[in-house]
Amino acid sequence: MHERIEINPDIMMGKPVIRGTRIPVELLLRKLSEGASAADLLDAYPRLTTEDVHAALRYAADMLAHETILIQPAA
């Protein structure tokens, strides 16, 4: 499903990373949320591709789409 994202307990303590790197998806998302552009990320991390940045965004969206929210009734 996410061919560019890898989860391996031996890499970054099992956090999702861009396959073949130690670059966590979380780091890319955080940088983007702080105003970095995809071009900024590609400059900062030469092993990244535009497709990797898009894969990180897709991965985050997919994780949120499958999130279960439990609502407790008001007391």
N, C-alpha and C. Protein backbone atom coordinates (compact mmCIF):
# COMPACT_ATOMS: atom_id res chain seq x y z
N MET A 1 0.82 -1.19 0.00
CA MET A 1 0.00 0.00 0.00
C MET A 1 0.87 1.26 0.00
N HIS A 2 1.85 1.29 0.86
CA HIS A 2 2.75 2.44 0.95
C HIS A 2 4.16 1.95 0.64
N GLU A 3 4.44 1.80 -0.63
CA GLU A 3 5.72 1.22 -1.04
C GLU A 3 6.92 2.08 -0.69
N ARG A 4 6.73 3.36 -0.48
CA ARG A 4 7.84 4.25 -0.15
C ARG A 4 8.02 4.43 1.35
N ILE A 5 7.09 3.91 2.14
CA ILE A 5 7.15 4.04 3.60
C ILE A 5 7.50 2.68 4.19
N GLU A 6 8.41 2.70 5.14
CA GLU A 6 8.88 1.46 5.77
C GLU A 6 8.73 1.58 7.28
N ILE A 7 8.27 0.49 7.89
CA ILE A 7 8.21 0.40 9.35
C ILE A 7 9.02 -0.82 9.74
N ASN A 8 10.11 -0.57 10.45
CA ASN A 8 11.03 -1.64 10.84
C ASN A 8 11.47 -1.35 12.26
N PRO A 9 11.26 -2.29 13.18
CA PRO A 9 11.63 -2.03 14.58
C PRO A 9 13.11 -1.72 14.78
N ASP A 10 13.95 -2.06 13.81
CA ASP A 10 15.39 -1.81 13.92
C ASP A 10 15.80 -0.43 13.37
N ILE A 11 14.84 0.29 12.81
CA ILE A 11 15.14 1.61 12.24
C ILE A 11 14.28 2.65 12.94
N MET A 12 14.92 3.62 13.55
CA MET A 12 14.23 4.73 14.23
C MET A 12 13.15 4.23 15.19
N MET A 13 13.45 3.14 15.89
CA MET A 13 12.56 2.56 16.90
C MET A 13 11.18 2.21 16.33
N GLY A 14 11.13 1.85 15.07
CA GLY A 14 9.89 1.41 14.45
C GLY A 14 8.99 2.51 13.93
N LYS A 15 9.45 3.75 13.98
CA LYS A 15 8.64 4.84 13.41
C LYS A 15 8.63 4.71 11.89
N PRO A 16 7.55 5.12 11.24
CA PRO A 16 7.52 5.07 9.78
C PRO A 16 8.58 6.02 9.20
N VAL A 17 9.35 5.49 8.26
CA VAL A 17 10.41 6.27 7.60
C VAL A 17 10.27 6.10 6.09
N ILE A 18 10.95 6.98 5.37
CA ILE A 18 11.03 6.82 3.92
C ILE A 18 11.94 5.62 3.66
N ARG A 19 11.43 4.68 2.89
CA ARG A 19 12.15 3.42 2.64
C ARG A 19 13.59 3.69 2.19
N GLY A 20 14.52 2.93 2.78
CA GLY A 20 15.93 3.05 2.43
C GLY A 20 16.64 4.22 3.10
N THR A 21 15.93 4.94 3.98
CA THR A 21 16.53 6.05 4.69
C THR A 21 16.21 5.93 6.18
N ARG A 22 16.71 6.88 6.94
CA ARG A 22 16.34 6.99 8.35
C ARG A 22 15.56 8.29 8.56
N ILE A 23 14.88 8.74 7.51
CA ILE A 23 14.13 9.99 7.56
C ILE A 23 12.69 9.67 7.95
N PRO A 24 12.30 10.04 9.18
CA PRO A 24 10.94 9.73 9.63
C PRO A 24 9.87 10.55 8.90
N VAL A 25 8.75 9.91 8.65
CA VAL A 25 7.60 10.60 8.07
C VAL A 25 7.23 11.77 8.97
N GLU A 26 7.25 11.56 10.26
CA GLU A 26 6.90 12.62 11.22
C GLU A 26 7.75 13.87 11.01
N LEU A 27 9.03 13.70 10.77
CA LEU A 27 9.93 14.84 10.57
C LEU A 27 9.51 15.64 9.33
N LEU A 28 9.21 14.94 8.25
CA LEU A 28 8.81 15.63 7.03
C LEU A 28 7.51 16.40 7.25
N LEU A 29 6.55 15.78 7.92
CA LEU A 29 5.28 16.44 8.18
C LEU A 29 5.47 17.66 9.07
N ARG A 30 6.31 17.53 10.08
CA ARG A 30 6.56 18.64 11.00
C ARG A 30 7.20 19.82 10.24
N LYS A 31 8.19 19.50 9.41
CA LYS A 31 8.87 20.55 8.63
C LYS A 31 7.87 21.25 7.69
N LEU A 32 7.02 20.48 7.03
CA LEU A 32 6.01 21.07 6.15
C LEU A 32 5.05 21.95 6.95
N SER A 33 4.66 21.50 8.14
CA SER A 33 3.73 22.28 8.96
C SER A 33 4.36 23.57 9.46
N GLU A 34 5.69 23.60 9.53
CA GLU A 34 6.40 24.79 9.98
C GLU A 34 6.69 25.76 8.82
N GLY A 35 6.23 25.39 7.62
CA GLY A 35 6.37 26.29 6.49
C GLY A 35 7.41 25.90 5.46
N ALA A 36 8.11 24.79 5.69
CA ALA A 36 9.08 24.34 4.68
C ALA A 36 8.32 23.90 3.43
N SER A 37 8.93 24.11 2.29
CA SER A 37 8.34 23.62 1.04
C SER A 37 8.94 22.27 0.70
N ALA A 38 8.34 21.59 -0.25
CA ALA A 38 8.90 20.32 -0.71
C ALA A 38 10.31 20.55 -1.24
N ALA A 39 10.52 21.67 -1.92
CA ALA A 39 11.85 21.99 -2.45
C ALA A 39 12.86 22.16 -1.31
N ASP A 40 12.43 22.77 -0.20
CA ASP A 40 13.31 22.91 0.97
C ASP A 40 13.73 21.54 1.49
N LEU A 41 12.77 20.63 1.55
CA LEU A 41 13.07 19.28 2.05
C LEU A 41 14.02 18.55 1.11
N LEU A 42 13.80 18.70 -0.18
CA LEU A 42 14.67 18.04 -1.15
C LEU A 42 16.10 18.59 -1.07
N ASP A 43 16.23 19.88 -0.79
CA ASP A 43 17.56 20.47 -0.61
C ASP A 43 18.23 19.96 0.66
N ALA A 44 17.45 19.86 1.74
CA ALA A 44 17.99 19.47 3.04
C ALA A 44 18.31 17.97 3.11
N TYR A 45 17.56 17.17 2.37
CA TYR A 45 17.72 15.70 2.41
C TYR A 45 17.89 15.20 0.97
N PRO A 46 19.12 15.18 0.47
CA PRO A 46 19.37 14.86 -0.95
C PRO A 46 18.85 13.49 -1.40
N ARG A 47 18.66 12.56 -0.48
CA ARG A 47 18.16 11.24 -0.88
C ARG A 47 16.65 11.24 -1.10
N LEU A 48 15.96 12.29 -0.68
CA LEU A 48 14.51 12.38 -0.86
C LEU A 48 14.16 12.71 -2.29
N THR A 49 12.98 12.25 -2.69
CA THR A 49 12.41 12.63 -3.98
C THR A 49 11.06 13.30 -3.72
N THR A 50 10.56 13.96 -4.72
CA THR A 50 9.23 14.56 -4.62
C THR A 50 8.20 13.49 -4.28
N GLU A 51 8.35 12.33 -4.89
CA GLU A 51 7.41 11.23 -4.63
C GLU A 51 7.46 10.79 -3.17
N ASP A 52 8.64 10.85 -2.55
CA ASP A 52 8.76 10.51 -1.13
C ASP A 52 7.97 11.48 -0.26
N VAL A 53 8.06 12.76 -0.58
CA VAL A 53 7.32 13.78 0.18
C VAL A 53 5.82 13.54 0.02
N HIS A 54 5.38 13.26 -1.19
CA HIS A 54 3.97 12.97 -1.43
C HIS A 54 3.55 11.70 -0.70
N ALA A 55 4.41 10.70 -0.66
CA ALA A 55 4.09 9.46 0.04
C ALA A 55 3.92 9.71 1.53
N ALA A 56 4.72 10.58 2.10
CA ALA A 56 4.60 10.90 3.53
C ALA A 56 3.24 11.55 3.80
N LEU A 57 2.83 12.46 2.94
CA LEU A 57 1.52 13.10 3.10
C LEU A 57 0.38 12.10 2.93
N ARG A 58 0.49 11.22 1.95
CA ARG A 58 -0.53 10.18 1.74
C ARG A 58 -0.62 9.26 2.93
N TYR A 59 0.55 8.87 3.46
CA TYR A 59 0.59 7.98 4.62
C TYR A 59 -0.14 8.62 5.80
N ALA A 60 0.15 9.89 6.08
CA ALA A 60 -0.49 10.59 7.19
C ALA A 60 -2.00 10.67 6.97
N ALA A 61 -2.42 10.99 5.77
CA ALA A 61 -3.85 11.08 5.47
C ALA A 61 -4.52 9.73 5.65
N ASP A 62 -3.88 8.67 5.20
CA ASP A 62 -4.44 7.33 5.34
C ASP A 62 -4.54 6.92 6.81
N MET A 63 -3.54 7.28 7.61
CA MET A 63 -3.59 6.94 9.03
C MET A 63 -4.75 7.67 9.72
N LEU A 64 -4.96 8.91 9.37
CA LEU A 64 -6.07 9.67 9.96
C LEU A 64 -7.42 9.15 9.47
N ALA A 65 -7.47 8.72 8.22
CA ALA A 65 -8.73 8.21 7.68
C ALA A 65 -9.17 6.93 8.38
N HIS A 66 -8.22 6.18 8.93
CA HIS A 66 -8.54 4.92 9.59
C HIS A 66 -8.52 5.02 11.11
N GLU A 67 -8.41 6.25 11.62
CA GLU A 67 -8.38 6.47 13.05
C GLU A 67 -9.78 6.27 13.63
N THR A 68 -9.84 5.64 14.79
CA THR A 68 -11.11 5.46 15.48
C THR A 68 -11.18 6.46 16.62
N ILE A 69 -12.28 7.18 16.68
CA ILE A 69 -12.46 8.16 17.74
C ILE A 69 -13.58 7.69 18.65
N LEU A 70 -13.30 7.59 19.92
CA LEU A 70 -14.29 7.18 20.90
C LEU A 70 -14.77 8.43 21.65
N ILE A 71 -16.07 8.65 21.61
CA ILE A 71 -16.63 9.81 22.29
C ILE A 71 -17.34 9.34 23.55
N GLN A 72 -16.96 9.92 24.66
CA GLN A 72 -17.60 9.57 25.92
C GLN A 72 -18.78 10.51 26.14
N PRO A 73 -19.89 9.97 26.60
CA PRO A 73 -21.03 10.84 26.88
C PRO A 73 -20.71 11.81 28.00
N ALA A 74 -21.30 13.00 27.92
CA ALA A 74 -21.08 14.01 28.96
C ALA A 74 -21.65 13.51 30.29
N ALA A 75 -20.97 13.80 31.35
CA ALA A 75 -21.42 13.34 32.67
C ALA A 75 -22.53 14.17 33.22
